N, C-alpha and C. Protein backbone atom coordinates (compact mmCIF):
# COMPACT_ATOMS: atom_id res chain seq x y z
N MET A 1 0.80 -1.15 -0.02
CA MET A 1 0.01 0.06 -0.04
C MET A 1 0.86 1.21 0.00
N ALA A 2 0.62 2.11 -0.84
CA ALA A 2 1.52 3.22 -1.08
C ALA A 2 1.59 4.27 0.07
N SER A 3 0.50 4.83 0.44
CA SER A 3 0.58 5.92 1.48
C SER A 3 -0.65 5.78 2.33
N GLY A 4 -0.77 6.53 3.47
CA GLY A 4 -1.81 6.49 4.27
C GLY A 4 -2.05 5.12 4.94
N TRP A 5 -0.98 4.40 5.10
CA TRP A 5 -0.86 3.00 5.65
C TRP A 5 -1.81 2.95 6.93
N PRO A 6 -2.68 1.92 7.08
CA PRO A 6 -2.80 0.73 6.22
C PRO A 6 -3.77 0.83 5.14
N ASP A 7 -4.47 1.88 4.90
CA ASP A 7 -5.45 2.02 3.76
C ASP A 7 -5.11 3.26 2.93
N ASP A 8 -4.79 3.08 1.68
CA ASP A 8 -4.41 4.22 0.87
C ASP A 8 -5.59 4.82 0.11
N GLY A 9 -6.75 4.31 0.32
CA GLY A 9 -7.98 4.92 -0.29
C GLY A 9 -8.45 4.03 -1.47
N ARG A 10 -7.63 3.00 -1.97
CA ARG A 10 -8.12 2.24 -3.03
C ARG A 10 -9.35 1.37 -2.82
N ARG A 11 -9.45 0.95 -1.60
CA ARG A 11 -10.59 0.14 -1.24
C ARG A 11 -11.91 0.89 -0.99
N THR A 12 -11.69 2.04 -0.33
CA THR A 12 -12.89 2.88 -0.02
C THR A 12 -13.23 3.94 -1.02
N GLY A 13 -12.23 4.24 -1.94
CA GLY A 13 -12.51 5.26 -2.98
C GLY A 13 -12.25 6.68 -2.43
N ARG A 14 -11.84 6.80 -1.17
CA ARG A 14 -11.50 8.11 -0.66
C ARG A 14 -10.29 7.98 0.13
N ARG A 15 -9.53 9.04 0.13
CA ARG A 15 -8.21 9.00 0.84
C ARG A 15 -8.39 9.37 2.32
N PRO A 16 -7.78 8.54 3.18
CA PRO A 16 -8.00 8.77 4.54
C PRO A 16 -7.30 10.13 5.03
N PRO A 17 -7.72 10.69 6.04
CA PRO A 17 -7.01 11.91 6.55
C PRO A 17 -5.60 11.56 6.93
N ARG A 18 -4.64 12.44 6.64
CA ARG A 18 -3.30 12.23 6.99
C ARG A 18 -3.10 12.53 8.47
N ARG A 19 -2.55 11.60 9.10
CA ARG A 19 -2.21 11.77 10.56
C ARG A 19 -0.70 11.71 10.70
N GLY A 20 -0.24 12.30 11.77
CA GLY A 20 1.15 12.27 12.04
C GLY A 20 1.97 13.16 11.13
N ARG A 21 2.93 12.66 10.42
CA ARG A 21 3.73 13.44 9.55
C ARG A 21 3.00 14.08 8.47
N GLY A 22 3.41 15.35 8.09
CA GLY A 22 2.71 16.06 7.06
C GLY A 22 3.23 15.73 5.68
N ARG A 23 4.52 15.35 5.56
CA ARG A 23 5.03 14.97 4.21
C ARG A 23 5.99 13.88 4.43
N ARG A 24 6.34 13.11 3.32
CA ARG A 24 7.16 12.08 3.43
C ARG A 24 8.64 12.39 3.74
N PRO A 25 9.24 11.63 4.63
CA PRO A 25 10.60 11.93 5.09
C PRO A 25 11.53 11.78 3.92
N GLU A 26 12.71 12.48 4.10
CA GLU A 26 13.77 12.38 3.13
C GLU A 26 14.37 11.00 3.16
N PRO A 27 15.08 10.57 2.02
CA PRO A 27 15.62 9.16 1.99
C PRO A 27 16.49 8.86 3.18
N ALA A 28 17.34 9.74 3.68
CA ALA A 28 18.13 9.48 4.77
C ALA A 28 17.38 9.28 6.09
N VAL A 29 16.27 9.96 6.21
CA VAL A 29 15.42 9.79 7.35
C VAL A 29 14.75 8.49 7.29
N ARG A 30 14.27 8.18 6.06
CA ARG A 30 13.53 6.85 5.92
C ARG A 30 14.56 5.66 6.28
N GLU A 31 15.81 5.75 5.81
CA GLU A 31 16.80 4.78 6.11
C GLU A 31 17.03 4.66 7.62
N GLN A 32 17.12 5.81 8.28
CA GLN A 32 17.27 5.83 9.75
C GLN A 32 16.08 5.19 10.46
N ARG A 33 14.88 5.42 10.01
CA ARG A 33 13.71 4.83 10.54
C ARG A 33 13.81 3.31 10.51
N ILE A 34 14.28 2.78 9.39
CA ILE A 34 14.48 1.33 9.27
C ILE A 34 15.52 0.82 10.23
N PHE A 35 16.67 1.51 10.36
CA PHE A 35 17.75 1.12 11.21
C PHE A 35 17.28 1.19 12.72
N GLN A 36 16.46 2.16 13.05
CA GLN A 36 16.03 2.32 14.49
C GLN A 36 14.81 1.56 14.88
N LEU A 37 14.24 0.76 13.91
CA LEU A 37 12.98 0.05 14.14
C LEU A 37 13.08 -0.85 15.38
N THR A 38 14.17 -1.50 15.56
CA THR A 38 14.30 -2.45 16.72
C THR A 38 14.28 -1.65 17.98
N ALA A 39 14.64 -0.39 18.00
CA ALA A 39 14.65 0.48 19.16
C ALA A 39 13.59 1.54 19.02
N TRP A 40 12.43 1.17 18.45
CA TRP A 40 11.46 2.26 18.24
C TRP A 40 10.94 2.94 19.53
N GLU A 41 10.98 2.28 20.64
CA GLU A 41 10.58 2.91 21.87
C GLU A 41 11.50 4.12 22.35
N GLU A 42 12.79 4.00 21.92
CA GLU A 42 13.64 5.01 22.33
C GLU A 42 13.86 6.08 21.25
N SER A 43 13.47 5.71 20.00
CA SER A 43 13.70 6.66 18.87
C SER A 43 12.69 7.76 18.81
N ARG A 44 13.09 8.91 18.36
CA ARG A 44 12.24 10.05 18.15
C ARG A 44 11.69 10.20 16.77
N LEU A 45 11.99 9.20 15.90
CA LEU A 45 11.65 9.22 14.44
C LEU A 45 10.26 8.70 14.18
N TYR A 46 9.56 8.25 15.22
CA TYR A 46 8.15 7.64 14.93
C TYR A 46 7.13 8.49 15.60
N THR A 47 5.95 8.63 14.87
CA THR A 47 4.85 9.37 15.38
C THR A 47 4.19 8.64 16.52
N GLU A 48 3.24 9.25 17.20
CA GLU A 48 2.52 8.59 18.25
C GLU A 48 1.66 7.43 17.60
N ARG A 49 1.17 7.77 16.41
CA ARG A 49 0.32 6.61 15.68
C ARG A 49 1.22 5.46 15.42
N GLU A 50 2.41 5.75 14.85
CA GLU A 50 3.29 4.63 14.54
C GLU A 50 3.69 3.89 15.80
N ARG A 51 3.96 4.53 16.84
CA ARG A 51 4.41 3.95 18.12
C ARG A 51 3.16 3.09 18.62
N ALA A 52 1.93 3.52 18.52
CA ALA A 52 0.80 2.65 18.87
C ALA A 52 0.78 1.40 18.04
N ALA A 53 1.03 1.44 16.71
CA ALA A 53 1.01 0.28 15.86
C ALA A 53 2.14 -0.59 16.23
N LEU A 54 3.29 -0.07 16.47
CA LEU A 54 4.38 -0.87 16.89
C LEU A 54 4.27 -1.55 18.22
N ALA A 55 3.67 -0.81 19.17
CA ALA A 55 3.37 -1.42 20.49
C ALA A 55 2.37 -2.61 20.37
N LEU A 56 1.36 -2.42 19.57
CA LEU A 56 0.41 -3.51 19.33
C LEU A 56 1.08 -4.70 18.60
N THR A 57 1.92 -4.40 17.64
CA THR A 57 2.64 -5.49 16.95
C THR A 57 3.42 -6.24 17.96
N ASP A 58 4.26 -5.57 18.79
CA ASP A 58 5.04 -6.26 19.87
C ASP A 58 4.18 -7.12 20.72
N ALA A 59 3.08 -6.56 21.19
CA ALA A 59 2.19 -7.23 22.18
C ALA A 59 1.53 -8.46 21.47
N VAL A 60 1.12 -8.40 20.27
CA VAL A 60 0.60 -9.58 19.59
C VAL A 60 1.61 -10.64 19.20
N THR A 61 2.80 -10.16 18.99
CA THR A 61 3.94 -11.10 18.61
C THR A 61 4.53 -11.75 19.82
N LEU A 62 4.70 -11.03 20.90
CA LEU A 62 5.42 -11.52 22.02
C LEU A 62 4.49 -12.27 23.04
N LEU A 63 4.20 -13.50 22.69
CA LEU A 63 3.29 -14.34 23.57
C LEU A 63 4.21 -14.85 24.71
N PRO A 64 3.70 -15.22 25.89
CA PRO A 64 2.33 -15.41 26.20
C PRO A 64 1.65 -14.16 26.77
N HIS A 65 2.28 -13.06 26.86
CA HIS A 65 1.76 -11.89 27.59
C HIS A 65 0.54 -11.30 26.93
N GLY A 66 0.50 -11.35 25.62
CA GLY A 66 -0.70 -10.88 24.91
C GLY A 66 -0.83 -9.32 24.98
N VAL A 67 -1.88 -8.80 24.53
CA VAL A 67 -2.15 -7.38 24.36
C VAL A 67 -2.83 -6.84 25.62
N SER A 68 -2.18 -5.94 26.26
CA SER A 68 -2.75 -5.33 27.43
C SER A 68 -3.89 -4.34 27.12
N ASP A 69 -4.74 -4.07 28.02
CA ASP A 69 -5.79 -3.16 27.78
C ASP A 69 -5.16 -1.73 27.40
N GLN A 70 -4.02 -1.43 28.02
CA GLN A 70 -3.44 -0.07 27.76
C GLN A 70 -2.96 0.01 26.32
N VAL A 71 -2.28 -1.08 25.82
CA VAL A 71 -1.81 -1.07 24.49
C VAL A 71 -2.91 -1.07 23.46
N TYR A 72 -4.01 -1.85 23.76
CA TYR A 72 -5.21 -1.77 22.85
C TYR A 72 -5.90 -0.50 22.83
N ALA A 73 -6.00 0.11 24.00
CA ALA A 73 -6.66 1.51 24.09
C ALA A 73 -5.81 2.49 23.34
N GLU A 74 -4.52 2.44 23.46
CA GLU A 74 -3.63 3.40 22.70
C GLU A 74 -3.84 3.23 21.20
N ALA A 75 -3.79 1.95 20.75
CA ALA A 75 -4.05 1.70 19.29
C ALA A 75 -5.46 2.27 18.82
N SER A 76 -6.41 1.96 19.66
CA SER A 76 -7.77 2.37 19.34
C SER A 76 -7.92 3.87 19.26
N ARG A 77 -7.05 4.58 19.95
CA ARG A 77 -7.02 6.02 19.96
C ARG A 77 -6.51 6.55 18.60
N HIS A 78 -5.63 5.87 18.03
CA HIS A 78 -5.02 6.28 16.77
C HIS A 78 -5.52 5.73 15.54
N PHE A 79 -6.29 4.58 15.67
CA PHE A 79 -6.85 3.90 14.44
C PHE A 79 -8.34 3.72 14.63
N GLU A 80 -9.10 4.09 13.58
CA GLU A 80 -10.50 3.78 13.61
C GLU A 80 -10.72 2.26 13.50
N GLU A 81 -11.87 1.81 13.85
CA GLU A 81 -12.20 0.36 13.97
C GLU A 81 -11.79 -0.42 12.71
N PRO A 82 -12.14 0.03 11.54
CA PRO A 82 -11.78 -0.68 10.33
C PRO A 82 -10.21 -0.77 10.16
N GLU A 83 -9.55 0.40 10.38
CA GLU A 83 -8.14 0.42 10.27
C GLU A 83 -7.49 -0.51 11.29
N LEU A 84 -7.93 -0.48 12.47
CA LEU A 84 -7.47 -1.44 13.55
C LEU A 84 -7.55 -2.82 13.18
N ALA A 85 -8.74 -3.18 12.60
CA ALA A 85 -8.96 -4.53 12.20
C ALA A 85 -7.92 -4.92 11.14
N ARG A 86 -7.73 -4.02 10.16
CA ARG A 86 -6.69 -4.33 9.01
C ARG A 86 -5.32 -4.42 9.66
N LEU A 87 -5.01 -3.55 10.54
CA LEU A 87 -3.65 -3.59 11.22
C LEU A 87 -3.44 -4.88 11.90
N ILE A 88 -4.49 -5.32 12.68
CA ILE A 88 -4.32 -6.58 13.34
C ILE A 88 -4.17 -7.76 12.38
N ALA A 89 -4.97 -7.70 11.32
CA ALA A 89 -4.77 -8.77 10.27
C ALA A 89 -3.44 -8.79 9.69
N LEU A 90 -2.82 -7.58 9.43
CA LEU A 90 -1.50 -7.54 8.92
C LEU A 90 -0.47 -8.10 9.85
N ILE A 91 -0.58 -7.74 11.18
CA ILE A 91 0.28 -8.28 12.14
C ILE A 91 0.17 -9.78 12.20
N LEU A 92 -1.00 -10.34 12.23
CA LEU A 92 -1.20 -11.76 12.35
C LEU A 92 -0.67 -12.53 11.08
N THR A 93 -0.80 -11.85 9.93
CA THR A 93 -0.27 -12.46 8.69
C THR A 93 1.27 -12.46 8.76
N ALA A 94 1.86 -11.42 9.09
CA ALA A 94 3.28 -11.44 9.25
C ALA A 94 3.83 -12.45 10.22
N ASN A 95 3.11 -12.49 11.39
CA ASN A 95 3.51 -13.53 12.30
C ASN A 95 3.38 -14.97 11.84
N ALA A 96 2.28 -15.20 11.08
CA ALA A 96 2.07 -16.48 10.54
C ALA A 96 3.22 -16.91 9.59
N TRP A 97 3.53 -15.99 8.67
CA TRP A 97 4.67 -16.26 7.82
C TRP A 97 6.00 -16.48 8.51
N ASN A 98 6.25 -15.64 9.52
CA ASN A 98 7.49 -15.87 10.33
C ASN A 98 7.51 -17.19 10.99
N ARG A 99 6.32 -17.69 11.52
CA ARG A 99 6.28 -19.01 12.17
C ARG A 99 6.42 -20.14 11.17
N ILE A 100 5.87 -19.94 9.99
CA ILE A 100 6.06 -20.93 8.92
C ILE A 100 7.51 -21.06 8.52
N ASN A 101 8.13 -19.84 8.39
CA ASN A 101 9.55 -19.86 7.99
C ASN A 101 10.45 -20.59 9.08
N VAL A 102 10.18 -20.25 10.43
CA VAL A 102 10.88 -20.85 11.42
C VAL A 102 10.72 -22.29 11.48
N THR A 103 9.51 -22.73 11.32
CA THR A 103 9.18 -24.21 11.32
C THR A 103 9.86 -24.92 10.18
N CYS A 104 9.93 -24.34 8.98
CA CYS A 104 10.48 -24.85 7.85
C CYS A 104 11.99 -24.73 7.77
N ARG A 105 12.54 -23.92 8.79
CA ARG A 105 13.96 -23.56 8.74
C ARG A 105 14.37 -22.89 7.57
N THR A 106 13.58 -21.96 7.05
CA THR A 106 13.85 -21.22 5.85
C THR A 106 14.79 -20.03 6.28
N ALA A 107 15.97 -19.86 5.65
CA ALA A 107 16.86 -18.85 5.90
C ALA A 107 16.33 -17.56 5.18
N PRO A 108 16.66 -16.35 5.80
CA PRO A 108 16.21 -15.08 5.16
C PRO A 108 16.64 -14.97 3.65
N ASP A 109 17.78 -15.55 3.21
CA ASP A 109 18.08 -15.38 1.82
C ASP A 109 17.58 -16.51 0.94
N ASP A 110 16.82 -17.43 1.53
CA ASP A 110 16.12 -18.47 0.69
C ASP A 110 15.03 -17.85 -0.10
N HIS A 111 14.78 -18.26 -1.39
CA HIS A 111 13.69 -17.77 -2.12
C HIS A 111 12.83 -18.95 -2.58
């Protein structure tokens, strides 16, 4: 999906309101955002909305603790119900593929 993640308007026919950043970051900033992803809690490169999505991702991924009421409430504050449902579906899909790859002992460079 190009922009307005997780819905760029192709499904609904209208573009969602932009939240967080006003414009796309420069290439060097985008690269730094990738490098700092594992330390997103300490980084200042992520918006509150992105932090909510990353916290939800961590909570869903790191079992057995699960998603706390606080993490879910924060995600709900930044994402409308349909967006939140899509975000959760994306998180679950990525987790499923990761678990399949671990089970099959697929190395990252295998195609």
